[in-house]
Protein backbone atom coordinates (compact mmCIF):
# COMPACT_ATOMS: atom_id res chain seq x y z
CA MET A 1 0.00 0.00 0.00
CA LEU A 2 1.27 3.47 -0.87
CA SER A 3 1.83 6.11 1.77
CA GLU A 4 -0.62 9.00 2.03
CA TRP A 5 1.95 11.41 0.60
CA ASP A 6 2.49 9.17 -2.41
CA LEU A 7 -1.25 9.15 -3.06
CA ILE A 8 -1.44 12.95 -2.81
CA ILE A 9 1.55 13.37 -5.11
CA ARG A 10 -0.07 11.16 -7.74
CA LEU A 11 -3.27 13.18 -7.63
CA LEU A 12 -1.33 16.47 -7.88
CA VAL A 13 0.75 15.21 -10.79
CA ALA A 14 -2.42 14.10 -12.57
CA ALA A 15 -3.96 17.55 -12.01
CA GLY A 16 -0.82 19.26 -13.31
CA LEU A 17 -0.55 17.19 -16.47
CA GLY A 18 -4.27 17.55 -17.13
CA SER A 19 -4.02 21.33 -16.71
CA LEU A 20 -1.39 21.58 -19.44
CA ILE A 21 -3.71 20.02 -22.00
CA GLY A 22 -6.75 21.84 -20.62
CA ALA A 23 -4.97 25.19 -20.95
CA GLU A 24 -4.47 24.56 -24.66
CA ARG A 25 -8.19 23.85 -25.10
CA GLU A 26 -9.07 26.86 -22.91
CA ARG A 27 -7.03 29.06 -25.24
CA LEU A 28 -9.48 28.19 -28.02
CA VAL A 29 -12.47 28.92 -25.74
CA TRP A 30 -13.89 25.40 -25.81
CA ALA A 31 -16.48 24.38 -23.24
CA ALA A 32 -14.23 21.52 -22.08
CA GLY A 33 -11.29 23.63 -20.98
CA LEU A 34 -8.83 23.88 -18.11
CA ARG A 35 -11.01 22.75 -15.20
CA THR A 36 -12.72 19.96 -17.12
CA HIS A 37 -9.44 18.40 -18.21
CA MET A 38 -7.99 18.68 -14.70
CA LEU A 39 -11.06 17.03 -13.20
CA VAL A 40 -10.99 14.19 -15.73
CA SER A 41 -7.31 13.55 -15.09
CA VAL A 42 -7.61 13.65 -11.30
CA GLY A 43 -10.76 11.52 -11.38
CA ALA A 44 -9.15 8.89 -13.58
CA CYS A 45 -6.09 8.87 -11.34
CA LEU A 46 -8.25 8.36 -8.25
CA PHE A 47 -10.16 5.55 -9.95
CA MET A 48 -6.86 3.84 -10.71
CA ILE A 49 -5.61 4.28 -7.13
CA VAL A 50 -8.86 2.88 -5.73
CA SER A 51 -8.75 0.01 -8.21
CA ALA A 52 -5.15 -0.91 -7.39
CA PHE A 53 -4.98 -0.20 -3.66
CA GLY A 54 -8.48 0.46 -2.32
CA PHE A 55 -9.31 -3.15 -1.58
CA ALA A 56 -6.00 -4.23 -0.02
CA ASP A 57 -7.66 -5.00 3.31
CA ILE A 58 -9.73 -7.83 1.86
CA LEU A 59 -7.10 -9.44 -0.35
CA ASN A 60 -6.45 -12.15 2.22
CA THR A 61 -10.12 -13.05 2.50
CA PRO A 62 -10.81 -16.58 1.23
CA HIS A 63 -12.40 -16.92 -2.19
CA VAL A 64 -11.91 -13.20 -3.00
CA VAL A 65 -10.19 -12.43 -6.30
CA LEU A 66 -9.58 -8.83 -7.38
CA ASP A 67 -8.80 -7.58 -10.87
CA PRO A 68 -7.30 -4.05 -10.66
CA SER A 69 -7.84 -3.52 -14.39
CA ARG A 70 -11.64 -3.66 -14.22
CA ILE A 71 -12.20 -0.14 -12.88
CA ALA A 72 -9.63 1.25 -15.33
CA ALA A 73 -11.47 -0.43 -18.19
CA GLN A 74 -14.72 1.22 -17.10
CA VAL A 75 -13.04 4.64 -17.08
CA VAL A 76 -12.00 4.17 -20.71
CA SER A 77 -15.58 3.53 -21.80
CA GLY A 78 -17.28 5.81 -19.29
CA ILE A 79 -15.37 8.93 -20.30
CA GLY A 80 -17.19 8.77 -23.62
CA PHE A 81 -20.23 10.66 -22.32
CA LEU A 82 -18.08 13.73 -21.64
CA GLY A 83 -16.54 13.50 -25.09
CA ALA A 84 -19.97 13.23 -26.68
CA GLY A 85 -21.06 16.36 -24.82
CA SER A 86 -18.23 18.37 -26.38
CA ILE A 87 -19.11 17.42 -29.98
CA LEU A 88 -21.35 19.86 -31.82
CA LEU A 89 -22.95 19.77 -35.26
CA ARG A 90 -23.03 23.20 -36.88
CA GLY A 91 -24.61 23.01 -40.29
CA ASP A 92 -22.68 20.35 -42.17
CA VAL A 93 -19.57 20.77 -39.99
CA VAL A 94 -18.82 18.66 -36.92
CA ARG A 95 -16.92 20.55 -34.21
CA GLY A 96 -15.37 19.34 -30.96
CA LEU A 97 -13.93 16.00 -32.02
CA THR A 98 -10.42 17.07 -31.05
CA THR A 99 -11.57 18.21 -27.62
CA ALA A 100 -13.41 14.91 -27.13
CA ALA A 101 -10.21 13.06 -28.04
CA SER A 102 -8.19 15.23 -25.63
CA LEU A 103 -10.57 14.36 -22.79
CA TRP A 104 -10.15 10.69 -23.59
CA THR A 105 -6.36 10.93 -23.60
CA VAL A 106 -6.34 12.99 -20.38
CA ALA A 107 -8.25 10.14 -18.73
CA ALA A 108 -5.52 7.78 -19.94
CA ILE A 109 -2.88 10.10 -18.47
CA GLY A 110 -4.70 10.09 -15.14
CA LEU A 111 -4.81 6.29 -15.16
CA ALA A 112 -1.09 6.16 -15.95
CA VAL A 113 -0.24 8.52 -13.08
CA GLY A 114 -2.47 6.53 -10.75
CA SER A 115 -0.45 3.45 -11.68
CA GLY A 116 2.80 5.27 -10.94
CA LEU A 117 3.87 5.48 -14.61
CA TYR A 118 5.11 9.07 -14.35
CA VAL A 119 7.47 8.94 -17.32
CA ALA A 120 4.82 7.50 -19.63
CA ALA A 121 2.25 10.03 -18.45
CA SER A 122 4.66 12.97 -18.87
CA ALA A 123 5.76 11.79 -22.32
CA ALA A 124 2.13 11.35 -23.39
CA THR A 125 1.32 14.88 -22.17
CA ALA A 126 4.18 16.34 -24.18
CA ILE A 127 3.18 14.41 -27.31
CA ILE A 128 -0.47 15.46 -26.95
CA LEU A 129 0.51 19.12 -26.58
CA VAL A 130 2.60 18.90 -29.73
CA ILE A 131 -0.35 17.35 -31.57
CA LEU A 132 -2.85 19.94 -30.31
CA ALA A 133 -0.75 23.07 -30.69
CA GLY A 134 2.10 22.20 -33.03
CA ILE A 135 0.15 20.31 -35.69
CA LYS A 136 -2.74 22.81 -35.81
CA PRO A 137 -1.07 25.16 -38.38
CA LEU A 138 -0.59 22.20 -40.70
CA GLU A 139 -4.23 21.18 -40.22
CA GLU A 140 -5.38 24.73 -40.97
CA TRP A 141 -3.28 24.72 -44.14
CA PHE A 142 -5.02 21.55 -45.31
CA GLN A 143 -8.42 23.03 -44.44
CA LYS A 144 -7.72 26.15 -46.49
CA ARG A 145 -6.88 23.94 -49.43
CA SER A 146 -10.05 21.91 -49.03
CA GLN A 147 -13.09 24.07 -48.40
CA THR A 148 -16.68 24.37 -49.53
CA ARG A 149 -16.79 26.81 -52.44
CA GLU A 150 -19.45 28.07 -54.83
CA ILE A 151 -19.34 28.90 -58.54
CA VAL A 152 -22.00 31.08 -60.20
CA VAL A 153 -22.64 30.51 -63.89
CA SER A 154 -24.79 32.68 -66.16
CA ALA A 155 -25.97 30.82 -69.26
CA VAL A 156 -28.64 30.88 -71.92
CA HIS A 157 -31.79 29.23 -70.59
CA GLY A 158 -31.71 25.45 -70.85
CA THR A 159 -28.20 25.15 -72.30
CA LEU A 160 -26.29 23.98 -69.22
CA PRO A 161 -27.75 20.87 -67.56
CA ILE A 162 -25.79 19.24 -64.76
CA ASP A 163 -24.67 16.38 -67.00
CA THR A 164 -22.86 18.88 -69.22
CA VAL A 165 -21.17 20.41 -66.16
CA ASN A 166 -20.10 16.97 -64.93
CA ASP A 167 -18.58 16.08 -68.30
CA ALA A 168 -16.73 19.40 -68.46
CA ILE A 169 -15.09 19.31 -65.02
CA GLY A 170 -14.32 15.58 -65.01
CA TYR A 171 -13.45 13.83 -61.75
CA ARG A 172 -14.15 16.96 -59.70
CA ALA A 173 -17.85 16.46 -60.43
CA ARG A 174 -17.85 14.11 -57.44
CA ARG A 175 -17.30 17.19 -55.26
CA ILE A 176 -20.59 18.80 -56.30
CA ILE A 177 -23.10 18.76 -53.44
CA ARG A 178 -25.57 21.35 -54.71
CA TYR A 179 -26.71 22.48 -58.16
CA VAL A 180 -29.34 25.24 -58.11
CA CYS A 181 -30.69 26.83 -61.26
CA SER A 182 -32.91 29.95 -61.27
CA GLN A 183 -34.30 31.61 -64.40
CA ALA A 184 -34.48 35.33 -65.12
CA ASP A 185 -35.88 36.13 -68.56
CA GLU A 186 -33.84 34.02 -71.01
CA THR A 187 -30.88 33.59 -68.68
CA ASP A 188 -30.24 30.85 -66.14
CA GLU A 189 -28.22 31.65 -63.02
CA ILE A 190 -26.67 28.39 -61.87
CA ARG A 191 -25.05 28.07 -58.45
CA ILE A 192 -22.73 25.07 -58.12
CA THR A 193 -21.48 24.22 -54.62
CA LEU A 194 -18.46 21.95 -54.28
CA VAL A 195 -16.79 20.49 -51.18
CA ARG A 196 -13.12 19.71 -50.48
CA VAL A 197 -11.77 21.79 -53.34
CA SER A 198 -8.87 24.26 -53.34
CA ALA A 199 -8.68 27.71 -54.90
CA ALA A 200 -6.62 26.21 -57.73
CA ASP A 201 -9.35 23.62 -58.36
CA ILE A 202 -11.98 26.36 -58.60
CA ALA A 203 -9.85 28.38 -61.03
CA ASP A 204 -9.40 25.32 -63.23
CA ILE A 205 -13.13 24.50 -63.15
CA ILE A 206 -14.00 28.07 -64.16
CA GLU A 207 -11.65 27.88 -67.14
CA LYS A 208 -13.29 24.63 -68.24
CA LEU A 209 -16.83 26.00 -67.94
CA LYS A 210 -16.25 29.27 -69.80
CA PRO A 211 -15.93 27.74 -73.31
CA LEU A 212 -19.17 25.73 -73.02
CA SER A 213 -21.95 26.58 -75.41
CA GLY A 214 -24.44 29.08 -73.99
CA VAL A 215 -22.25 30.16 -71.08
CA ARG A 216 -22.12 33.93 -70.68
CA ASP A 217 -20.22 34.35 -67.43
CA VAL A 218 -18.56 32.20 -64.76
CA ARG A 219 -17.35 33.54 -61.45
CA HIS A 220 -16.36 32.37 -57.98
CA SER A 221 -18.92 33.44 -55.40
């Protein structure tokens, strides 16, 4: 059995490591921020301590078998409800998956500290911080290259069906999620919405649509 000071130190270390990851989430003003991550880490650490050492007084009782991993296993699955609460659906965009994953990993860090695996917990904290803060610029670069964009085409009424557009832009036709045509006099205004396309893709699509018969103007909205 650990001494009382050892138990306190483990809980404090879990709180400290959880706060580092929580501070990064707090910086982005997420609902699951500093305090939430600290609580998850400390709670997981306490669960692990209770699982490993809380039943030491009955170990010598006949016919009693304890499995210290059972409570830890329940923490892994039980933390999911907090992660689900941090995930939001805004329009067609899902937000909060990274924060949900950080809560899950903070629980793992707390379990590791509760088991006395300080090096593993510290290394995991450092790696997670690099992933959350250091990799974000790269992720944002990819997102800028792959966004939802809209093209507006003006064409003579009835001359530009979607099949013609698909043939003209080739494999990028799979990126079309919306094709809306509205008529004004003898002119059709066609709005084509595409997902996961870059600015270069849009420029290329515009150049391929301009020469089509009946097309009067093509622009990026």
